[in-house]
Protein backbone atom coordinates (compact mmCIF):
# COMPACT_ATOMS: atom_id res chain seq x y z
CA UNK A 1 118.87 83.98 113.24
CA UNK A 2 121.68 86.37 113.87
CA UNK A 3 122.46 89.89 112.77
CA UNK A 4 120.17 92.17 110.84
CA UNK A 5 121.76 94.23 108.06
CA UNK A 6 121.26 97.89 107.20
CA UNK A 7 117.76 98.54 108.56
CA UNK A 8 116.23 100.14 111.62
CA UNK A 9 114.29 98.01 114.06
CA UNK A 10 111.33 100.42 113.70
CA UNK A 11 110.62 99.25 110.12
CA UNK A 12 107.42 97.23 109.84
CA UNK A 13 106.59 94.67 107.18
CA UNK A 14 103.11 94.73 105.65
CA UNK A 15 101.71 91.21 106.04
CA UNK A 16 99.00 90.27 103.53
CA UNK A 17 96.88 87.17 103.09
CA UNK A 18 97.69 84.98 100.08
CA UNK A 19 94.74 86.76 98.40
CA UNK A 20 96.37 90.17 98.96
CA UNK A 21 94.26 91.56 101.84
CA UNK A 22 96.14 93.43 104.58
CA UNK A 23 96.40 91.41 107.79
CA UNK A 24 98.81 93.31 110.06
CA UNK A 25 101.98 95.32 110.43
CA UNK A 26 104.67 92.97 111.76
CA UNK A 27 108.23 93.35 113.01
CA UNK A 28 111.21 92.20 110.99
CA UNK A 29 111.69 89.33 113.43
CA UNK A 30 108.05 88.21 112.95
CA UNK A 31 108.59 88.34 109.18
CA UNK A 32 111.69 86.14 109.49
CA UNK A 33 109.60 83.60 111.39
CA UNK A 34 107.13 83.47 108.46
CA UNK A 35 110.01 83.00 106.00
CA UNK A 36 111.65 80.27 108.12
CA UNK A 37 108.34 78.41 108.51
CA UNK A 38 107.75 78.50 104.73
CA UNK A 39 104.60 80.61 105.15
CA UNK A 40 105.60 83.34 102.67
CA UNK A 41 103.78 82.69 99.39
CA UNK A 42 104.90 85.83 97.58
CA UNK A 43 106.64 89.13 98.22
CA UNK A 44 106.55 92.66 96.85
CA UNK A 45 108.57 95.78 97.34
CA UNK A 46 112.15 96.35 98.29
CA UNK A 47 114.32 94.18 100.51
CA UNK A 48 114.33 95.85 103.91
CA UNK A 49 116.65 93.52 105.84
CA UNK A 50 118.97 90.58 105.48
CA UNK A 51 119.27 88.16 108.39
CA UNK A 52 122.28 85.83 108.52
CA UNK A 53 122.35 82.55 110.42
CA UNK A 54 124.86 79.82 111.05
CA UNK A 55 127.12 78.01 108.61
CA UNK A 56 126.26 74.60 107.17
CA UNK A 57 128.70 72.03 108.57
CA UNK A 58 129.04 70.22 105.24
CA UNK A 59 129.05 73.05 102.71
CA UNK A 60 130.25 75.96 104.85
CA UNK A 61 127.49 78.14 103.33
CA UNK A 62 125.93 80.65 105.71
CA UNK A 63 122.13 80.67 105.85
CA UNK A 64 120.38 83.93 104.93
CA UNK A 65 116.84 85.25 104.91
CA UNK A 66 116.12 88.40 102.88
CA UNK A 67 112.98 90.19 104.08
CA UNK A 68 110.80 92.19 101.68
CA UNK A 69 108.66 95.14 102.76
CA UNK A 70 105.41 93.38 101.72
CA UNK A 71 104.76 89.65 102.13
CA UNK A 72 101.80 87.46 101.23
CA UNK A 73 101.41 84.54 103.63
CA UNK A 74 99.61 81.21 103.41
CA UNK A 75 96.37 80.55 105.21
CA UNK A 76 92.92 82.05 105.27
CA UNK A 77 92.65 85.78 105.95
CA UNK A 78 92.00 86.67 109.58
CA UNK A 79 90.28 89.90 108.53
CA UNK A 80 86.90 89.80 106.82
CA UNK A 81 86.74 92.86 104.58
CA UNK A 82 82.96 93.02 104.86
CA UNK A 83 82.81 92.86 108.67
CA UNK A 84 85.57 95.38 109.25
CA UNK A 85 85.06 98.08 111.84
CA UNK A 86 88.43 99.78 112.39
CA UNK A 87 89.30 100.61 115.96
CA UNK A 88 88.93 104.29 116.81
CA UNK A 89 91.98 105.99 118.30
CA UNK A 90 92.82 109.67 118.49
CA UNK A 91 95.92 109.15 116.36
CA UNK A 92 93.95 107.51 113.55
CA UNK A 93 91.12 110.06 113.88
CA UNK A 94 93.52 113.01 113.60
CA UNK A 95 95.24 111.38 110.62
CA UNK A 96 91.87 110.70 108.92
CA UNK A 97 90.96 114.37 109.36
CA UNK A 98 94.45 115.58 108.32
CA UNK A 99 94.91 117.36 111.70
CA UNK A 100 92.25 119.90 110.65
CA UNK A 101 89.77 121.29 113.14
CA UNK A 102 86.30 120.48 111.81
CA UNK A 103 84.99 123.85 113.01
CA UNK A 104 87.64 126.53 112.37
CA UNK A 105 89.70 124.71 109.72
CA UNK A 106 93.08 125.29 111.36
CA UNK A 107 95.69 122.58 110.89
CA UNK A 108 97.41 121.90 114.20
CA UNK A 109 99.83 119.51 115.85
CA UNK A 110 98.06 116.54 117.42
CA UNK A 111 98.95 117.77 120.93
CA UNK A 112 96.61 120.71 120.29
CA UNK A 113 93.73 118.57 119.00
CA UNK A 114 90.87 116.71 120.66
CA UNK A 115 88.28 114.09 119.76
CA UNK A 116 85.02 115.98 119.32
CA UNK A 117 81.67 114.16 119.50
CA UNK A 118 79.21 115.70 117.03
CA UNK A 119 76.28 114.49 119.13
CA UNK A 120 77.71 114.79 122.66
CA UNK A 121 78.06 111.63 124.74
CA UNK A 122 75.94 113.35 127.43
CA UNK A 123 73.10 113.46 124.87
CA UNK A 124 73.46 109.81 123.87
CA UNK A 125 76.07 110.29 121.15
CA UNK A 126 78.18 107.23 120.37
CA UNK A 127 81.96 107.02 120.37
CA UNK A 128 81.95 105.93 116.71
CA UNK A 129 83.75 107.06 113.52
CA UNK A 130 80.55 108.66 112.18
CA UNK A 131 80.02 110.73 115.34
CA UNK A 132 83.53 112.06 115.89
CA UNK A 133 85.70 114.66 114.22
CA UNK A 134 88.96 116.40 115.03
CA UNK A 135 88.66 119.73 116.83
CA UNK A 136 91.08 122.20 118.33
CA UNK A 137 90.74 122.71 122.08
CA UNK A 138 89.16 126.21 121.83
CA UNK A 139 86.47 125.02 119.36
CA UNK A 140 85.77 121.90 121.41
CA UNK A 141 85.36 124.05 124.53
CA UNK A 142 83.19 126.59 122.70
CA UNK A 143 80.86 123.90 121.31
CA UNK A 144 80.55 122.25 124.72
CA UNK A 145 77.70 119.76 125.26
CA UNK A 146 75.70 121.00 122.25
CA UNK A 147 75.27 119.79 118.69
CA UNK A 148 76.98 121.84 115.94
CA UNK A 149 73.58 123.32 115.00
CA UNK A 150 72.82 124.38 118.58
CA UNK A 151 76.29 125.91 118.91
CA UNK A 152 76.02 127.55 115.45
CA UNK A 153 79.29 125.89 114.49
CA UNK A 154 78.78 124.08 111.16
CA UNK A 155 81.12 121.21 110.29
CA UNK A 156 83.63 121.95 107.54
CA UNK A 157 83.82 118.27 106.55
CA UNK A 158 81.83 115.13 107.22
CA UNK A 159 83.07 112.12 109.16
CA UNK A 160 83.40 108.67 107.58
CA UNK A 161 84.47 105.16 108.53
CA UNK A 162 87.90 104.35 107.04
CA UNK A 163 88.18 101.38 104.69
CA UNK A 164 90.47 98.44 105.45
CA UNK A 165 93.18 99.98 103.26
CA UNK A 166 92.85 103.43 104.87
CA UNK A 167 92.95 101.87 108.33
CA UNK A 168 96.31 100.25 107.58
CA UNK A 169 97.68 103.62 106.44
CA UNK A 170 96.27 105.41 109.50
CA UNK A 171 97.75 102.94 111.99
CA UNK A 172 101.41 103.15 110.89
CA UNK A 173 103.38 106.39 110.93
CA UNK A 174 106.47 104.98 109.22
CA UNK A 175 105.22 103.46 106.00
CA UNK A 176 107.85 102.80 103.34
CA UNK A 177 107.25 104.24 99.86
CA UNK A 178 106.52 100.87 98.23
CA UNK A 179 104.11 99.92 101.03
CA UNK A 180 102.31 103.26 100.68
CA UNK A 181 102.05 102.85 96.91
CA UNK A 182 100.52 99.37 97.35
CA UNK A 183 97.98 100.54 99.97
CA UNK A 184 97.05 103.77 98.16
CA UNK A 185 96.28 101.80 94.98
CA UNK A 186 93.39 100.16 96.90
CA UNK A 187 92.04 103.22 98.76
CA UNK A 188 88.52 104.28 97.68
CA UNK A 189 88.52 107.17 95.19
CA UNK A 190 86.48 109.23 97.68
CA UNK A 191 89.12 108.89 100.41
CA UNK A 192 90.29 112.04 102.13
CA UNK A 193 93.79 110.50 102.14
CA UNK A 194 94.01 111.07 98.38
CA UNK A 195 93.70 114.86 98.66
């Protein structure tokens, strides 16, 4: 395929299974491959790009593939909703916790935040969603290798493991409005992302 019309390369397409479960964020070029292979079963959202190809020798008509922001593809889902354990990264952790320090409550830029282990690793604490929160550097230093109780620094919020839908929101910083609307409609009512 040739030129791409009116859209930045940084735009990602939300790829879903035919059943509507999120599978991955893909590039526009990867989406075009799904369209060209006939793998797209349905589409939602706005058109985010138009790719133009060559001209048909007999008709003179130029081939085109319009890419939507959300596509449902054929095949069995590669993600099992019930066996999901989202990967833990600082970026997703800080987004889950809304860039708020779990100890002092200040909202800071992610450069000023750290991953804080509630039960310190030195005391056998795991590097797991339920044992980590966002903390500013001064609070993390002050707590040191102690538990919040030992340091007399109570948590202002509790950690949780993000759902599949929350994980897809947390892993992409440039979500289009229609993609966000689709994902947010499936987020658990107790999600911190709703507040």
